[in-house]
Amino acid sequence: MREALRAAREAEARSEVPVGACVISREGVLLAVAGNRTRTDCDPTAHAEIVALREAAKTIGNYRLAGTTVYSTIEPCAMCAGALVQARIRRLVYGARDERAGAVESVFRVCDASSLNHRIELTAGAFEDECRALLQEFFRARRTIKSQI
């Protein structure tokens, strides 16, 4: 999770929403780490989880990432949760819940939906306070700047 937090801070330095994710092999090897890149790449799909999945798939030469674990600083959205299922991720560990758009436990339950052909082992709340604080400070600063304009 520390790598995901580092990537989130790097994303924030690029004026991106500070979300980070990394993919770890079943042997514990870091396959990919990424922060949000939606603004940088002008790409609405460039969420940290998606970017990390793409990089990990290229690293191992397979779009199926069976046996891997994804760490994300925030509960993934519906797009990212769906991608995790499609990639056959074994386990997802995330930090802060996303009460408005979380698609793992908060709003939807994509990662363990019985109607899908793959389910993901879930661990919520890893470094939760640090992950939440990073996002809250980012949005607090943005609201302050907007109110001054």
Protein backbone atom coordinates (compact mmCIF):
# COMPACT_ATOMS: atom_id res chain seq x y z
CA MET A 1 0.00 0.00 0.00
CA ARG A 2 2.96 2.30 0.55
CA GLU A 3 3.75 2.14 -3.19
CA ALA A 4 0.14 3.01 -4.02
CA LEU A 5 0.26 5.97 -1.62
CA ARG A 6 3.51 7.16 -3.19
CA ALA A 7 1.88 6.99 -6.64
CA ALA A 8 -1.14 8.90 -5.32
CA ARG A 9 1.12 11.69 -4.05
CA GLU A 10 2.89 11.83 -7.42
CA ALA A 11 -0.50 12.09 -9.14
CA GLU A 12 -1.42 14.96 -6.84
CA ALA A 13 1.81 16.74 -7.80
CA ARG A 14 0.53 16.60 -11.42
CA SER A 15 -2.83 18.13 -10.29
CA GLU A 16 -4.53 14.76 -10.60
CA VAL A 17 -6.94 13.39 -8.00
CA PRO A 18 -4.52 11.61 -5.61
CA VAL A 19 -5.33 7.97 -6.19
CA GLY A 20 -2.67 5.30 -6.54
CA ALA A 21 -2.67 1.60 -7.28
CA CYS A 22 -0.17 -1.20 -7.68
CA VAL A 23 -0.24 -4.81 -8.84
CA ILE A 24 1.76 -7.48 -7.01
CA SER A 25 2.41 -10.99 -8.37
CA ARG A 26 1.58 -14.09 -6.35
CA GLU A 27 5.32 -14.27 -5.59
CA GLY A 28 5.29 -10.75 -4.15
CA VAL A 29 6.95 -9.01 -7.11
CA LEU A 30 5.81 -5.46 -7.90
CA LEU A 31 4.49 -5.69 -11.48
CA ALA A 32 3.13 -2.17 -11.83
CA VAL A 33 2.43 1.01 -9.93
CA ALA A 34 0.43 3.99 -11.16
CA GLY A 35 -1.40 7.11 -10.11
CA ASN A 36 -4.40 8.72 -11.73
CA ARG A 37 -3.64 10.11 -15.21
CA THR A 38 -7.06 11.24 -16.45
CA ARG A 39 -6.08 14.89 -16.84
CA THR A 40 -2.48 14.24 -17.85
CA ASP A 41 -3.52 11.82 -20.62
CA CYS A 42 -6.86 13.51 -21.40
CA ASP A 43 -8.38 10.04 -20.93
CA PRO A 44 -11.42 9.34 -18.76
CA THR A 45 -10.33 5.71 -18.38
CA ALA A 46 -6.86 6.53 -17.03
CA HIS A 47 -7.73 5.82 -13.40
CA ALA A 48 -4.83 4.54 -11.31
CA GLU A 49 -6.19 0.99 -11.23
CA ILE A 50 -6.67 0.81 -15.01
CA VAL A 51 -3.22 2.25 -15.72
CA ALA A 52 -1.64 -0.24 -13.30
CA LEU A 53 -3.56 -3.17 -14.82
CA ARG A 54 -2.41 -2.19 -18.32
CA GLU A 55 1.21 -1.93 -17.20
CA ALA A 56 1.10 -5.23 -15.30
CA ALA A 57 -0.46 -7.04 -18.28
CA LYS A 58 2.30 -5.75 -20.55
CA THR A 59 4.94 -6.73 -17.98
CA ILE A 60 3.83 -10.36 -17.85
CA GLY A 61 2.61 -10.55 -21.44
CA ASN A 62 -0.92 -11.62 -20.56
CA TYR A 63 -4.17 -9.73 -20.06
CA ARG A 64 -5.16 -12.24 -17.40
CA LEU A 65 -3.51 -11.31 -14.11
CA ALA A 66 -4.59 -14.44 -12.23
CA GLY A 67 -3.08 -14.81 -8.79
CA THR A 68 -2.19 -11.14 -8.43
CA THR A 69 -3.15 -8.65 -5.75
CA VAL A 70 -4.11 -5.05 -6.45
CA TYR A 71 -3.62 -2.36 -3.83
CA SER A 72 -5.62 0.84 -4.31
CA THR A 73 -5.79 3.90 -2.09
CA ILE A 74 -9.54 4.18 -2.62
CA GLU A 75 -12.40 1.79 -3.23
CA PRO A 76 -12.53 1.30 -7.01
CA CYS A 77 -15.33 2.73 -9.15
CA ALA A 78 -17.57 0.58 -11.37
CA MET A 79 -15.20 0.81 -14.36
CA CYS A 80 -12.16 -0.18 -12.32
CA ALA A 81 -13.96 -2.91 -10.38
CA GLY A 82 -15.16 -4.40 -13.67
CA ALA A 83 -11.62 -4.31 -15.05
CA LEU A 84 -10.34 -6.10 -11.93
CA VAL A 85 -12.87 -8.87 -12.50
CA GLN A 86 -12.01 -9.11 -16.21
CA ALA A 87 -8.29 -9.33 -15.37
CA ARG A 88 -9.03 -12.15 -12.90
CA ILE A 89 -7.32 -10.41 -9.99
CA ARG A 90 -7.17 -12.75 -6.99
CA ARG A 91 -7.27 -10.15 -4.23
CA LEU A 92 -8.04 -6.45 -3.86
CA VAL A 93 -6.79 -4.42 -0.91
CA TYR A 94 -8.03 -0.85 -0.70
CA GLY A 95 -7.73 2.04 1.70
CA ALA A 96 -10.59 4.52 1.92
CA ARG A 97 -14.20 3.71 1.12
CA ASP A 98 -15.92 5.74 -1.59
CA GLU A 99 -19.44 6.25 -0.31
CA ARG A 100 -20.56 8.02 -3.50
CA ALA A 101 -19.08 5.86 -6.27
CA GLY A 102 -17.46 2.80 -4.71
CA ALA A 103 -18.30 -0.33 -6.67
CA VAL A 104 -16.72 -2.90 -4.37
CA GLU A 105 -18.81 -2.55 -1.22
CA SER A 106 -20.24 0.98 -0.79
CA VAL A 107 -22.62 1.47 -3.74
CA PHE A 108 -22.24 -1.65 -5.90
CA ARG A 109 -20.71 -5.07 -5.25
CA VAL A 110 -19.02 -5.79 -8.57
CA CYS A 111 -16.00 -7.73 -7.27
CA ASP A 112 -17.99 -10.46 -5.58
CA ALA A 113 -21.25 -10.43 -7.58
CA SER A 114 -22.61 -13.98 -7.80
CA SER A 115 -23.78 -13.37 -11.38
CA LEU A 116 -20.19 -12.91 -12.62
CA ASN A 117 -17.81 -15.78 -13.40
CA HIS A 118 -15.01 -14.47 -11.16
CA ARG A 119 -14.97 -13.17 -7.61
CA ILE A 120 -12.20 -11.27 -5.88
CA GLU A 121 -11.04 -11.67 -2.30
CA LEU A 122 -11.52 -8.27 -0.62
CA THR A 123 -9.66 -6.47 2.14
CA ALA A 124 -10.87 -2.98 3.00
CA GLY A 125 -9.40 -0.30 5.23
CA ALA A 126 -5.65 -0.71 4.70
CA PHE A 127 -3.98 2.58 5.68
CA GLU A 128 -7.52 3.95 5.59
CA ASP A 129 -6.89 7.14 7.58
CA GLU A 130 -3.86 8.10 5.48
CA CYS A 131 -5.67 7.35 2.21
CA ARG A 132 -8.76 9.30 3.26
CA ALA A 133 -6.74 12.27 4.52
CA LEU A 134 -4.85 12.52 1.22
CA LEU A 135 -8.11 12.80 -0.72
CA GLN A 136 -9.79 15.11 1.77
CA GLU A 137 -6.87 17.55 1.78
CA PHE A 138 -6.77 17.58 -2.02
CA PHE A 139 -10.46 18.43 -2.35
CA ARG A 140 -10.37 20.88 0.58
CA ALA A 141 -7.57 22.80 -1.17
CA ARG A 142 -9.51 22.82 -4.45
CA ARG A 143 -12.62 24.19 -2.73
CA THR A 144 -10.52 26.91 -1.07
CA ILE A 145 -9.03 27.95 -4.42
CA LYS A 146 -12.47 28.03 -6.08
CA SER A 147 -13.95 30.12 -3.28
CA GLN A 148 -11.18 32.70 -3.71
CA ILE A 149 -11.88 33.15 -7.41
